Amino acid sequence: MGMTYDELMDLTPRVFSNKVQGWTRQQSMMMQDQWERARWMVSTTISPHLKKPIKPTDLVKFNWEKKPKVTPKSVNFGELLTEASSLGITL
């Protein structure tokens, strides 16, 4: 993370945790960028040899590009009223 011993010892646990999370996120983004760049290079290299040009996302879809499947939870009005009354909300 590029810190000296004195800088490390001056950090509070919360600040250290934030620095570690930020550093980890940065490293992950750099890795994703490298993979995406490699995929782009492969797609541009093989496109002249194909009948139909290929998009980089047609070659491979990475896990971070896949959207999670979210199914909306169905709630009826009676459940909303009981939840509201349990929270002290009156209509």
PDB file of N, CA and C in Angstrom:
ATOM      1  N   MET A   1       0.822  -1.193   0.000  1.00  0.00           N
ATOM      2  CA  MET A   1       0.000   0.000   0.000  1.00  0.00           C
ATOM      3  C   MET A   1       0.861   1.250   0.000  1.00  0.00           C
ATOM      4  N   GLY A   2       2.147   1.099   0.107  1.00  0.00           N
ATOM      5  CA  GLY A   2       3.035   2.241  -0.036  1.00  0.00           C
ATOM      6  C   GLY A   2       3.119   3.124   1.195  1.00  0.00           C
ATOM      7  N   MET A   3       3.002   2.542   2.390  1.00  0.00           N
ATOM      8  CA  MET A   3       3.090   3.323   3.619  1.00  0.00           C
ATOM      9  C   MET A   3       4.371   2.977   4.363  1.00  0.00           C
ATOM     10  N   THR A   4       4.904   3.971   5.050  1.00  0.00           N
ATOM     11  CA  THR A   4       6.049   3.702   5.909  1.00  0.00           C
ATOM     12  C   THR A   4       5.538   3.120   7.220  1.00  0.00           C
ATOM     13  N   TYR A   5       6.452   2.618   8.020  1.00  0.00           N
ATOM     14  CA  TYR A   5       6.083   2.046   9.313  1.00  0.00           C
ATOM     15  C   TYR A   5       5.426   3.099  10.199  1.00  0.00           C
ATOM     16  N   ASP A   6       5.975   4.318  10.212  1.00  0.00           N
ATOM     17  CA  ASP A   6       5.400   5.380  11.050  1.00  0.00           C
ATOM     18  C   ASP A   6       3.995   5.761  10.597  1.00  0.00           C
ATOM     19  N   GLU A   7       3.790   5.820   9.278  1.00  0.00           N
ATOM     20  CA  GLU A   7       2.449   6.121   8.772  1.00  0.00           C
ATOM     21  C   GLU A   7       1.458   5.036   9.181  1.00  0.00           C
ATOM     22  N   LEU A   8       1.895   3.787   9.113  1.00  0.00           N
ATOM     23  CA  LEU A   8       1.035   2.670   9.485  1.00  0.00           C
ATOM     24  C   LEU A   8       0.663   2.735  10.962  1.00  0.00           C
ATOM     25  N   MET A   9       1.620   3.048  11.804  1.00  0.00           N
ATOM     26  CA  MET A   9       1.366   3.085  13.241  1.00  0.00           C
ATOM     27  C   MET A   9       0.500   4.269  13.657  1.00  0.00           C
ATOM     28  N   ASP A  10       0.454   5.313  12.834  1.00  0.00           N
ATOM     29  CA  ASP A  10      -0.362   6.484  13.157  1.00  0.00           C
ATOM     30  C   ASP A  10      -1.826   6.314  12.773  1.00  0.00           C
ATOM     31  N   LEU A  11      -2.163   5.249  12.055  1.00  0.00           N
ATOM     32  CA  LEU A  11      -3.537   5.049  11.596  1.00  0.00           C
ATOM     33  C   LEU A  11      -4.405   4.435  12.686  1.00  0.00           C
ATOM     34  N   THR A  12      -5.654   4.868  12.719  1.00  0.00           N
ATOM     35  CA  THR A  12      -6.622   4.216  13.598  1.00  0.00           C
ATOM     36  C   THR A  12      -7.117   2.962  12.877  1.00  0.00           C
ATOM     37  N   PRO A  13      -7.686   2.017  13.606  1.00  0.00           N
ATOM     38  CA  PRO A  13      -8.196   0.813  12.938  1.00  0.00           C
ATOM     39  C   PRO A  13      -9.206   1.123  11.832  1.00  0.00           C
ATOM     40  N   ARG A  14     -10.057   2.107  12.048  1.00  0.00           N
ATOM     41  CA  ARG A  14     -11.063   2.457  11.044  1.00  0.00           C
ATOM     42  C   ARG A  14     -10.415   2.998   9.776  1.00  0.00           C
ATOM     43  N   VAL A  15      -9.442   3.903   9.943  1.00  0.00           N
ATOM     44  CA  VAL A  15      -8.762   4.481   8.790  1.00  0.00           C
ATOM     45  C   VAL A  15      -7.970   3.403   8.056  1.00  0.00           C
ATOM     46  N   PHE A  16      -7.326   2.502   8.806  1.00  0.00           N
ATOM     47  CA  PHE A  16      -6.583   1.415   8.183  1.00  0.00           C
ATOM     48  C   PHE A  16      -7.519   0.526   7.376  1.00  0.00           C
ATOM     49  N   SER A  17      -8.684   0.213   7.939  1.00  0.00           N
ATOM     50  CA  SER A  17      -9.664  -0.610   7.234  1.00  0.00           C
ATOM     51  C   SER A  17     -10.111   0.074   5.948  1.00  0.00           C
ATOM     52  N   ASN A  18     -10.365   1.377   6.014  1.00  0.00           N
ATOM     53  CA  ASN A  18     -10.774   2.120   4.825  1.00  0.00           C
ATOM     54  C   ASN A  18      -9.677   2.108   3.760  1.00  0.00           C
ATOM     55  N   LYS A  19      -8.426   2.252   4.195  1.00  0.00           N
ATOM     56  CA  LYS A  19      -7.304   2.233   3.248  1.00  0.00           C
ATOM     57  C   LYS A  19      -7.183   0.860   2.585  1.00  0.00           C
ATOM     58  N   VAL A  20      -7.346  -0.195   3.368  1.00  0.00           N
ATOM     59  CA  VAL A  20      -7.249  -1.549   2.814  1.00  0.00           C
ATOM     60  C   VAL A  20      -8.372  -1.792   1.812  1.00  0.00           C
ATOM     61  N   GLN A  21      -9.587  -1.380   2.149  1.00  0.00           N
ATOM     62  CA  GLN A  21     -10.711  -1.564   1.231  1.00  0.00           C
ATOM     63  C   GLN A  21     -10.500  -0.784  -0.065  1.00  0.00           C
ATOM     64  N   GLY A  22     -10.029   0.449   0.042  1.00  0.00           N
ATOM     65  CA  GLY A  22      -9.766   1.262  -1.140  1.00  0.00           C
ATOM     66  C   GLY A  22      -8.661   0.675  -2.002  1.00  0.00           C
ATOM     67  N   TRP A  23      -7.603   0.201  -1.362  1.00  0.00           N
ATOM     68  CA  TRP A  23      -6.486  -0.393  -2.091  1.00  0.00           C
ATOM     69  C   TRP A  23      -6.928  -1.666  -2.804  1.00  0.00           C
ATOM     70  N   THR A  24      -7.726  -2.483  -2.110  1.00  0.00           N
ATOM     71  CA  THR A  24      -8.238  -3.716  -2.706  1.00  0.00           C
ATOM     72  C   THR A  24      -9.134  -3.404  -3.897  1.00  0.00           C
ATOM     73  N   ARG A  25      -9.995  -2.409  -3.759  1.00  0.00           N
ATOM     74  CA  ARG A  25     -10.882  -2.016  -4.856  1.00  0.00           C
ATOM     75  C   ARG A  25     -10.069  -1.512  -6.047  1.00  0.00           C
ATOM     76  N   GLN A  26      -9.024  -0.736  -5.776  1.00  0.00           N
ATOM     77  CA  GLN A  26      -8.167  -0.227  -6.850  1.00  0.00           C
ATOM     78  C   GLN A  26      -7.473  -1.372  -7.584  1.00  0.00           C
ATOM     79  N   GLN A  27      -6.939  -2.331  -6.840  1.00  0.00           N
ATOM     80  CA  GLN A  27      -6.265  -3.467  -7.457  1.00  0.00           C
ATOM     81  C   GLN A  27      -7.236  -4.288  -8.311  1.00  0.00           C
ATOM     82  N   SER A  28      -8.444  -4.465  -7.813  1.00  0.00           N
ATOM     83  CA  SER A  28      -9.464  -5.203  -8.548  1.00  0.00           C
ATOM     84  C   SER A  28      -9.825  -4.483  -9.850  1.00  0.00           C
ATOM     85  N   MET A  29      -9.970  -3.171  -9.780  1.00  0.00           N
ATOM     86  CA  MET A  29     -10.309  -2.402 -10.976  1.00  0.00           C
ATOM     87  C   MET A  29      -9.174  -2.447 -11.995  1.00  0.00           C
ATOM     88  N   MET A  30      -7.935  -2.417 -11.526  1.00  0.00           N
ATOM     89  CA  MET A  30      -6.799  -2.509 -12.441  1.00  0.00           C
ATOM     90  C   MET A  30      -6.778  -3.869 -13.136  1.00  0.00           C
ATOM     91  N   MET A  31      -7.070  -4.927 -12.385  1.00  0.00           N
ATOM     92  CA  MET A  31      -7.092  -6.269 -12.956  1.00  0.00           C
ATOM     93  C   MET A  31      -8.214  -6.392 -13.993  1.00  0.00           C
ATOM     94  N   GLN A  32      -9.393  -5.865 -13.666  1.00  0.00           N
ATOM     95  CA  GLN A  32     -10.511  -5.906 -14.603  1.00  0.00           C
ATOM     96  C   GLN A  32     -10.169  -5.145 -15.883  1.00  0.00           C
ATOM     97  N   ASP A  33      -9.508  -4.010 -15.743  1.00  0.00           N
ATOM     98  CA  ASP A  33      -9.114  -3.217 -16.898  1.00  0.00           C
ATOM     99  C   ASP A  33      -8.157  -3.992 -17.790  1.00  0.00           C
ATOM    100  N   GLN A  34      -7.220  -4.698 -17.193  1.00  0.00           N
ATOM    101  CA  GLN A  34      -6.276  -5.495 -17.978  1.00  0.00           C
ATOM    102  C   GLN A  34      -6.985  -6.621 -18.733  1.00  0.00           C
ATOM    103  N   TRP A  35      -7.935  -7.279 -18.071  1.00  0.00           N
ATOM    104  CA  TRP A  35      -8.674  -8.356 -18.733  1.00  0.00           C
ATOM    105  C   TRP A  35      -9.518  -7.810 -19.878  1.00  0.00           C
ATOM    106  N   GLU A  36     -10.152  -6.674 -19.670  1.00  0.00           N
ATOM    107  CA  GLU A  36     -10.982  -6.087 -20.715  1.00  0.00           C
ATOM    108  C   GLU A  36     -10.128  -5.619 -21.889  1.00  0.00           C
ATOM    109  N   ARG A  37      -8.954  -5.088 -21.606  1.00  0.00           N
ATOM    110  CA  ARG A  37      -8.048  -4.667 -22.666  1.00  0.00           C
ATOM    111  C   ARG A  37      -7.586  -5.877 -23.488  1.00  0.00           C
ATOM    112  N   ALA A  38      -7.278  -6.974 -22.818  1.00  0.00           N
ATOM    113  CA  ALA A  38      -6.860  -8.189 -23.521  1.00  0.00           C
ATOM    114  C   ALA A  38      -7.993  -8.716 -24.402  1.00  0.00           C
ATOM    115  N   ARG A  39      -9.214  -8.685 -23.889  1.00  0.00           N
ATOM    116  CA  ARG A  39     -10.357  -9.150 -24.671  1.00  0.00           C
ATOM    117  C   ARG A  39     -10.557  -8.277 -25.906  1.00  0.00           C
ATOM    118  N   TRP A  40     -10.403  -6.962 -25.736  1.00  0.00           N
ATOM    119  CA  TRP A  40     -10.544  -6.045 -26.857  1.00  0.00           C
ATOM    120  C   TRP A  40      -9.476  -6.318 -27.915  1.00  0.00           C
ATOM    121  N   MET A  41      -8.222  -6.546 -27.484  1.00  0.00           N
ATOM    122  CA  MET A  41      -7.144  -6.817 -28.434  1.00  0.00           C
ATOM    123  C   MET A  41      -7.407  -8.098 -29.225  1.00  0.00           C
ATOM    124  N   VAL A  42      -7.901  -9.120 -28.543  1.00  0.00           N
ATOM    125  CA  VAL A  42      -8.205 -10.374 -29.235  1.00  0.00           C
ATOM    126  C   VAL A  42      -9.318 -10.164 -30.248  1.00  0.00           C
ATOM    127  N   SER A  43     -10.352  -9.436 -29.870  1.00  0.00           N
ATOM    128  CA  SER A  43     -11.476  -9.242 -30.801  1.00  0.00           C
ATOM    129  C   SER A  43     -11.058  -8.428 -32.017  1.00  0.00           C
ATOM    130  N   THR A  44     -10.216  -7.410 -31.831  1.00  0.00           N
ATOM    131  CA  THR A  44      -9.773  -6.625 -32.990  1.00  0.00           C
ATOM    132  C   THR A  44      -8.775  -7.403 -33.840  1.00  0.00           C
ATOM    133  N   THR A  45      -8.052  -8.322 -33.234  1.00  0.00           N
ATOM    134  CA  THR A  45      -7.083  -9.121 -33.992  1.00  0.00           C
ATOM    135  C   THR A  45      -7.773 -10.162 -34.870  1.00  0.00           C
ATOM    136  N   ILE A  46      -8.818 -10.790 -34.348  1.00  0.00           N
ATOM    137  CA  ILE A  46      -9.463 -11.854 -35.122  1.00  0.00           C
ATOM    138  C   ILE A  46     -10.587 -11.355 -36.025  1.00  0.00           C
ATOM    139  N   SER A  47     -11.064 -10.133 -35.832  1.00  0.00           N
ATOM    140  CA  SER A  47     -12.182  -9.625 -36.633  1.00  0.00           C
ATOM    141  C   SER A  47     -11.909  -9.621 -38.130  1.00  0.00           C
ATOM    142  N   PRO A  48     -10.721  -9.248 -38.623  1.00  0.00           N
ATOM    143  CA  PRO A  48     -10.506  -9.275 -40.078  1.00  0.00           C
ATOM    144  C   PRO A  48     -10.586 -10.674 -40.681  1.00  0.00           C
ATOM    145  N   HIS A  49     -10.419 -11.693 -39.874  1.00  0.00           N
ATOM    146  CA  HIS A  49     -10.427 -13.057 -40.379  1.00  0.00           C
ATOM    147  C   HIS A  49     -11.805 -13.711 -40.301  1.00  0.00           C
ATOM    148  N   LEU A  50     -12.777 -12.971 -39.817  1.00  0.00           N
ATOM    149  CA  LEU A  50     -14.135 -13.494 -39.693  1.00  0.00           C
ATOM    150  C   LEU A  50     -15.034 -12.871 -40.755  1.00  0.00           C
ATOM    151  N   LYS A  51     -16.103 -13.568 -41.101  1.00  0.00           N
ATOM    152  CA  LYS A  51     -17.058 -13.024 -42.066  1.00  0.00           C
ATOM    153  C   LYS A  51     -17.800 -11.833 -41.472  1.00  0.00           C
ATOM    154  N   LYS A  52     -18.143 -11.961 -40.209  1.00  0.00           N
ATOM    155  CA  LYS A  52     -18.902 -10.923 -39.524  1.00  0.00           C
ATOM    156  C   LYS A  52     -18.059 -10.434 -38.336  1.00  0.00           C
ATOM    157  N   PRO A  53     -17.884  -9.110 -38.191  1.00  0.00           N
ATOM    158  CA  PRO A  53     -17.085  -8.614 -37.061  1.00  0.00           C
ATOM    159  C   PRO A  53     -17.677  -9.059 -35.720  1.00  0.00           C
ATOM    160  N   ILE A  54     -16.816  -9.259 -34.768  1.00  0.00           N
ATOM    161  CA  ILE A  54     -17.249  -9.741 -33.459  1.00  0.00           C
ATOM    162  C   ILE A  54     -17.008  -8.655 -32.417  1.00  0.00           C
ATOM    163  N   LYS A  55     -17.953  -8.532 -31.513  1.00  0.00           N
ATOM    164  CA  LYS A  55     -17.799  -7.579 -30.408  1.00  0.00           C
ATOM    165  C   LYS A  55     -17.007  -8.246 -29.291  1.00  0.00           C
ATOM    166  N   PRO A  56     -16.269  -7.467 -28.515  1.00  0.00           N
ATOM    167  CA  PRO A  56     -15.509  -8.059 -27.420  1.00  0.00           C
ATOM    168  C   PRO A  56     -16.380  -8.822 -26.422  1.00  0.00           C
ATOM    169  N   THR A  57     -17.578  -8.339 -26.186  1.00  0.00           N
ATOM    170  CA  THR A  57     -18.446  -9.023 -25.228  1.00  0.00           C
ATOM    171  C   THR A  57     -19.002 -10.329 -25.778  1.00  0.00           C
ATOM    172  N   ASP A  58     -18.920 -10.515 -27.108  1.00  0.00           N
ATOM    173  CA  ASP A  58     -19.351 -11.786 -27.683  1.00  0.00           C
ATOM    174  C   ASP A  58     -18.325 -12.885 -27.438  1.00  0.00           C
ATOM    175  N   LEU A  59     -17.070 -12.503 -27.234  1.00  0.00           N
ATOM    176  CA  LEU A  59     -16.025 -13.492 -26.958  1.00  0.00           C
ATOM    177  C   LEU A  59     -16.195 -14.113 -25.584  1.00  0.00           C
ATOM    178  N   VAL A  60     -16.259 -13.262 -24.593  1.00  0.00           N
ATOM    179  CA  VAL A  60     -16.383 -13.735 -23.216  1.00  0.00           C
ATOM    180  C   VAL A  60     -17.061 -12.647 -22.390  1.00  0.00           C
ATOM    181  N   LYS A  61     -17.895 -13.061 -21.471  1.00  0.00           N
ATOM    182  CA  LYS A  61     -18.520 -12.139 -20.516  1.00  0.00           C
ATOM    183  C   LYS A  61     -17.932 -12.431 -19.154  1.00  0.00           C
ATOM    184  N   PHE A  62     -17.360 -11.426 -18.550  1.00  0.00           N
ATOM    185  CA  PHE A  62     -16.736 -11.589 -17.246  1.00  0.00           C
ATOM    186  C   PHE A  62     -17.787 -11.565 -16.145  1.00  0.00           C
ATOM    187  N   ASN A  63     -17.436 -12.128 -15.000  1.00  0.00           N
ATOM    188  CA  ASN A  63     -18.380 -12.194 -13.882  1.00  0.00           C
ATOM    189  C   ASN A  63     -18.849 -10.815 -13.437  1.00  0.00           C
ATOM    190  N   TRP A  64     -17.967  -9.828 -13.492  1.00  0.00           N
ATOM    191  CA  TRP A  64     -18.356  -8.498 -13.017  1.00  0.00           C
ATOM    192  C   TRP A  64     -19.259  -7.782 -14.018  1.00  0.00           C
ATOM    193  N   GLU A  65     -19.410  -8.320 -15.217  1.00  0.00           N
ATOM    194  CA  GLU A  65     -20.300  -7.717 -16.204  1.00  0.00           C
ATOM    195  C   GLU A  65     -21.692  -8.333 -16.191  1.00  0.00           C
ATOM    196  N   LYS A  66     -21.809  -9.480 -15.593  1.00  0.00           N
ATOM    197  CA  LYS A  66     -23.110 -10.142 -15.554  1.00  0.00           C
ATOM    198  C   LYS A  66     -23.978  -9.455 -14.505  1.00  0.00           C
ATOM    199  N   LYS A  67     -25.176  -9.122 -14.921  1.00  0.00           N
ATOM    200  CA  LYS A  67     -26.098  -8.464 -14.001  1.00  0.00           C
ATOM    201  C   LYS A  67     -26.778  -9.524 -13.144  1.00  0.00           C
ATOM    202  N   PRO A  68     -26.870  -9.269 -11.854  1.00  0.00           N
ATOM    203  CA  PRO A  68     -27.541 -10.252 -10.998  1.00  0.00           C
ATOM    204  C   PRO A  68     -29.037 -10.284 -11.299  1.00  0.00           C
ATOM    205  N   LYS A  69     -29.580 -11.471 -11.256  1.00  0.00           N
ATOM    206  CA  LYS A  69     -31.012 -11.622 -11.492  1.00  0.00           C
ATOM    207  C   LYS A  69     -31.758 -11.272 -10.212  1.00  0.00           C
ATOM    208  N   VAL A  70     -32.513 -10.194 -10.286  1.00  0.00           N
ATOM    209  CA  VAL A  70     -33.272  -9.735  -9.129  1.00  0.00           C
ATOM    210  C   VAL A  70     -34.742  -9.941  -9.417  1.00  0.00           C
ATOM    211  N   THR A  71     -35.375 -10.720  -8.576  1.00  0.00           N
ATOM    212  CA  THR A  71     -36.808 -10.919  -8.722  1.00  0.00           C
ATOM    213  C   THR A  71     -37.510 -10.063  -7.680  1.00  0.00           C
ATOM    214  N   PRO A  72     -38.398  -9.195  -8.114  1.00  0.00           N
ATOM    215  CA  PRO A  72     -39.083  -8.336  -7.154  1.00  0.00           C
ATOM    216  C   PRO A  72     -39.997  -9.157  -6.253  1.00  0.00           C
ATOM    217  N   LYS A  73     -39.974  -8.807  -4.978  1.00  0.00           N
ATOM    218  CA  LYS A  73     -40.825  -9.497  -4.014  1.00  0.00           C
ATOM    219  C   LYS A  73     -42.221  -8.885  -4.083  1.00  0.00           C
ATOM    220  N   SER A  74     -43.219  -9.737  -4.203  1.00  0.00           N
ATOM    221  CA  SER A  74     -44.582  -9.221  -4.257  1.00  0.00           C
ATOM    222  C   SER A  74     -45.093  -9.032  -2.832  1.00  0.00           C
ATOM    223  N   VAL A  75     -45.663  -7.866  -2.605  1.00  0.00           N
ATOM    224  CA  VAL A  75     -46.183  -7.519  -1.286  1.00  0.00           C
ATOM    225  C   VAL A  75     -47.606  -7.017  -1.475  1.00  0.00           C
ATOM    226  N   ASN A  76     -48.495  -7.488  -0.618  1.00  0.00           N
ATOM    227  CA  ASN A  76     -49.867  -6.992  -0.727  1.00  0.00           C
ATOM    228  C   ASN A  76     -50.090  -5.849   0.272  1.00  0.00           C
ATOM    229  N   PHE A  77     -51.182  -5.157   0.101  1.00  0.00           N
ATOM    230  CA  PHE A  77     -51.461  -3.972   0.900  1.00  0.00           C
ATOM    231  C   PHE A  77     -51.640  -4.304   2.376  1.00  0.00           C
ATOM    232  N   GLY A  78     -52.206  -5.452   2.688  1.00  0.00           N
ATOM    233  CA  GLY A  78     -52.389  -5.842   4.089  1.00  0.00           C
ATOM    234  C   GLY A  78     -51.058  -6.021   4.808  1.00  0.00           C
ATOM    235  N   GLU A  79     -50.088  -6.621   4.119  1.00  0.00           N
ATOM    236  CA  GLU A  79     -48.758  -6.776   4.724  1.00  0.00           C
ATOM    237  C   GLU A  79     -48.111  -5.424   4.965  1.00  0.00           C
ATOM    238  N   LEU A  80     -48.295  -4.494   4.030  1.00  0.00           N
ATOM    239  CA  LEU A  80     -47.745  -3.152   4.217  1.00  0.00           C
ATOM    240  C   LEU A  80     -48.368  -2.462   5.422  1.00  0.00           C
ATOM    241  N   LEU A  81     -49.682  -2.617   5.597  1.00  0.00           N
ATOM    242  CA  LEU A  81     -50.344  -1.984   6.735  1.00  0.00           C
ATOM    243  C   LEU A  81     -49.866  -2.574   8.054  1.00  0.00           C
ATOM    244  N   THR A  82     -49.712  -3.894   8.127  1.00  0.00           N
ATOM    245  CA  THR A  82     -49.240  -4.515   9.379  1.00  0.00           C
ATOM    246  C   THR A  82     -47.803  -4.111   9.664  1.00  0.00           C
ATOM    247  N   GLU A  83     -46.976  -4.021   8.641  1.00  0.00           N
ATOM    248  CA  GLU A  83     -45.591  -3.580   8.840  1.00  0.00           C
ATOM    249  C   GLU A  83     -45.543  -2.137   9.321  1.00  0.00           C
ATOM    250  N   ALA A  84     -46.376  -1.280   8.703  1.00  0.00           N
ATOM    251  CA  ALA A  84     -46.415   0.120   9.103  1.00  0.00           C
ATOM    252  C   ALA A  84     -46.893   0.265  10.537  1.00  0.00           C
ATOM    253  N   SER A  85     -47.927  -0.478  10.917  1.00  0.00           N
ATOM    254  CA  SER A  85     -48.437  -0.371  12.289  1.00  0.00           C
ATOM    255  C   SER A  85     -47.415  -0.914  13.295  1.00  0.00           C
ATOM    256  N   SER A  86     -46.634  -1.913  12.916  1.00  0.00           N
ATOM    257  CA  SER A  86     -45.615  -2.427  13.841  1.00  0.00           C
ATOM    258  C   SER A  86     -44.486  -1.410  14.030  1.00  0.00           C
ATOM    259  N   LEU A  87     -44.303  -0.536  13.048  1.00  0.00           N
ATOM    260  CA  LEU A  87     -43.293   0.512  13.171  1.00  0.00           C
ATOM    261  C   LEU A  87     -43.854   1.777  13.809  1.00  0.00           C
ATOM    262  N   GLY A  88     -45.127   1.779  14.110  1.00  0.00           N
ATOM    263  CA  GLY A  88     -45.757   2.930  14.748  1.00  0.00           C
ATOM    264  C   GLY A  88     -46.257   3.965  13.766  1.00  0.00           C
ATOM    265  N   ILE A  89     -46.431   3.577  12.530  1.00  0.00           N
ATOM    266  CA  ILE A  89     -46.925   4.490  11.501  1.00  0.00           C
ATOM    267  C   ILE A  89     -48.418   4.264  11.340  1.00  0.00           C
ATOM    268  N   THR A  90     -49.186   5.321  11.493  1.00  0.00           N
ATOM    269  CA  THR A  90     -50.628   5.199  11.314  1.00  0.00           C
ATOM    270  C   THR A  90     -51.061   5.960  10.073  1.00  0.00           C
ATOM    271  N   LEU A  91     -52.032   5.397   9.407  1.00  0.00           N
ATOM    272  CA  LEU A  91     -52.531   6.034   8.190  1.00  0.00           C
ATOM    273  C   LEU A  91     -53.893   6.611   8.411  1.00  0.00           C
TER     274      LEU A  91
END
